[in-house]
Protein backbone atom coordinates (compact mmCIF):
# COMPACT_ATOMS: atom_id res chain seq x y z
CA MET A 1 -35.82 -14.57 -27.77
CA LYS A 2 -33.19 -12.23 -29.54
CA LYS A 3 -33.06 -9.72 -26.46
CA LEU A 4 -32.81 -12.68 -24.04
CA LEU A 5 -30.05 -14.29 -25.86
CA PHE A 6 -28.24 -10.80 -26.42
CA SER A 7 -28.93 -10.02 -22.71
CA THR A 8 -27.22 -13.36 -21.22
CA LEU A 9 -24.69 -13.19 -23.59
CA ILE A 10 -23.82 -9.38 -22.28
CA PHE A 11 -23.96 -10.56 -18.34
CA CYS A 12 -21.68 -13.40 -19.11
CA LEU A 13 -19.13 -11.05 -20.51
CA LEU A 14 -19.48 -8.51 -18.17
CA SER A 15 -18.90 -11.21 -15.54
CA PHE A 16 -15.98 -13.09 -16.96
CA SER A 17 -14.47 -9.29 -17.44
CA THR A 18 -15.10 -8.51 -13.54
CA ASN A 19 -13.80 -11.70 -12.54
CA ALA A 20 -10.94 -11.56 -14.48
CA GLN A 21 -9.73 -8.21 -13.09
CA GLU A 22 -10.49 -8.94 -9.50
CA GLU A 23 -8.08 -12.14 -10.33
CA LYS A 24 -4.85 -10.26 -11.30
CA GLU A 25 -2.13 -10.50 -9.37
CA VAL A 26 -0.14 -8.24 -7.86
CA ASP A 27 3.77 -8.53 -8.50
CA CYS A 28 4.98 -8.18 -5.19
CA SER A 29 8.33 -10.21 -5.61
CA ASP A 30 10.63 -7.16 -5.04
CA LEU A 31 8.68 -5.37 -2.18
CA LYS A 32 10.24 -7.44 0.68
CA THR A 33 13.24 -4.97 0.56
CA GLY A 34 13.60 -1.39 -0.23
CA VAL A 35 13.26 2.08 0.65
CA PHE A 36 9.59 3.26 0.57
CA ILE A 37 7.77 6.40 1.46
CA ILE A 38 3.97 6.64 2.69
CA PRO A 39 2.99 10.22 1.88
CA ALA A 40 0.74 12.13 4.52
CA ASP A 41 -2.81 12.24 3.78
CA LYS A 42 -6.26 12.22 6.08
CA PHE A 43 -5.46 8.38 7.03
CA VAL A 44 -1.65 9.02 7.44
CA PRO A 45 -1.07 12.28 9.54
CA LEU A 46 2.43 11.75 8.98
CA SER A 47 4.72 10.96 5.46
CA THR A 48 6.89 8.08 6.66
CA LYS A 49 10.12 6.68 5.13
CA ILE A 50 10.37 2.82 5.56
CA VAL A 51 13.44 0.95 5.22
CA ARG A 52 12.49 -2.81 4.79
CA GLU A 53 14.76 -5.94 4.81
CA ASN A 54 12.63 -9.18 4.63
CA ASN A 55 11.38 -9.81 7.88
CA PHE A 56 12.66 -6.24 9.70
CA GLN A 57 11.37 -2.95 8.57
CA ARG A 58 12.65 0.71 10.38
CA GLU A 59 10.22 3.68 9.88
CA TYR A 60 11.49 6.89 10.04
CA MET A 61 8.69 9.56 10.64
CA SER A 62 8.56 13.35 9.42
CA ASN A 63 8.34 14.45 13.06
CA GLY A 64 11.60 12.61 13.97
CA ASP A 65 9.50 9.72 15.48
CA GLU A 66 11.47 6.32 14.71
CA ALA A 67 10.01 2.68 15.02
CA SER A 68 11.03 -0.30 14.08
CA SER A 69 8.96 -3.44 13.19
CA ARG A 70 9.18 -7.46 12.81
CA LEU A 71 7.68 -8.59 9.60
CA LYS A 72 6.01 -12.09 9.25
CA TRP A 73 4.94 -12.64 5.69
CA LEU A 74 1.62 -14.41 5.34
CA SER A 75 2.07 -14.35 1.39
CA ASP A 76 4.13 -12.71 -1.28
CA CYS A 77 1.58 -9.70 -0.87
CA SER A 78 0.57 -9.89 2.62
CA TYR A 79 2.43 -9.51 5.88
CA LEU A 80 1.91 -9.29 9.45
CA MET A 81 3.71 -6.20 11.11
CA LEU A 82 4.67 -6.57 14.65
CA PRO A 83 6.36 -3.92 16.78
CA GLU A 84 9.53 -4.60 18.53
CA PRO A 85 9.26 -5.51 21.99
CA GLU A 86 8.48 -3.28 24.92
CA LYS A 87 10.80 -0.32 25.63
CA GLU A 88 10.84 2.63 27.67
CA GLY A 89 9.45 5.95 26.51
CA GLU A 90 7.63 3.80 23.63
CA ASP A 91 4.82 5.34 21.64
CA PRO A 92 1.33 4.28 23.12
CA MET A 93 0.26 3.11 19.42
CA GLU A 94 3.04 0.77 19.45
CA ALA A 95 1.91 -0.77 22.75
CA LEU A 96 -1.55 -0.69 21.26
CA VAL A 97 -0.43 -2.67 18.27
CA ARG A 98 1.60 -5.03 20.22
CA LYS A 99 -1.55 -5.80 22.25
CA HIS A 100 -3.54 -6.59 19.70
CA GLY A 101 -1.17 -9.08 17.89
CA GLY A 102 0.22 -6.75 15.29
CA VAL A 103 -1.06 -4.99 11.95
CA GLN A 104 -1.86 -6.99 8.92
CA VAL A 105 -1.01 -5.45 5.72
CA ASP A 106 -2.05 -6.35 2.23
CA LEU A 107 -0.92 -5.07 -0.87
CA THR A 108 -3.46 -4.80 -3.21
CA ALA A 109 -2.48 -3.21 -6.39
CA ARG A 110 0.39 -1.44 -7.80
CA LYS A 111 1.15 0.86 -10.81
CA GLY A 112 4.77 0.92 -11.44
CA ASP A 113 6.53 1.79 -7.95
CA THR A 114 3.12 2.74 -6.45
CA ILE A 115 2.04 0.07 -4.14
CA TYR A 116 -1.77 0.16 -3.04
CA PHE A 117 -2.37 -1.46 0.50
CA THR A 118 -4.60 -1.73 3.41
CA ALA A 119 -3.61 -2.12 6.79
CA ASN A 120 -5.80 -3.66 9.51
CA LEU A 121 -5.50 -3.90 13.25
CA TYR A 122 -7.98 -6.37 14.69
CA LYS A 123 -8.85 -5.29 18.65
CA ALA A 124 -11.60 -6.69 20.69
CA LEU A 125 -13.01 -8.34 17.50
CA LYS A 126 -13.67 -4.76 15.85
CA LYS A 127 -11.49 -4.28 12.75
CA THR A 128 -9.89 -0.95 11.69
CA GLU A 129 -8.90 -0.66 8.24
CA VAL A 130 -7.09 1.69 6.42
CA SER A 131 -6.26 2.21 2.92
CA SER A 132 -3.06 4.11 1.64
CA PHE A 133 -0.21 3.68 -0.88
CA MET A 134 3.51 4.00 -0.46
CA ILE A 135 6.06 4.59 -3.31
CA LYS A 136 9.24 2.39 -3.72
CA ILE A 137 12.25 4.81 -4.15
CA GLU A 138 14.85 2.13 -4.03
């Protein structure tokens, strides 16, 4: 009986601890504006500097390419990124993203100036998800 009571107590404590961690909110209050860097990694082949001003951001890739997007904020920590209207000589990736309704970005965790995120592109009902991080530098 004592083992059952002890096991039940441990289970309840672990469940409470896990739920408390999952419900911990990310403070995104200062992320709608600023300058951010996304370092190159296996998912993001080029490092990118992002200059964000509320509902607009410009991206400067390390190879010299630039892109701009409109942002539709879904919540304090989630937004839809929509490339600017089609222009001559645009990157095929921008056209693909626009065709499929944009990229949803969810800011999932934060440690100081490092912000972890997932970016989702939904095309033909298949979800492509990339997880990475950015660093707020200004």
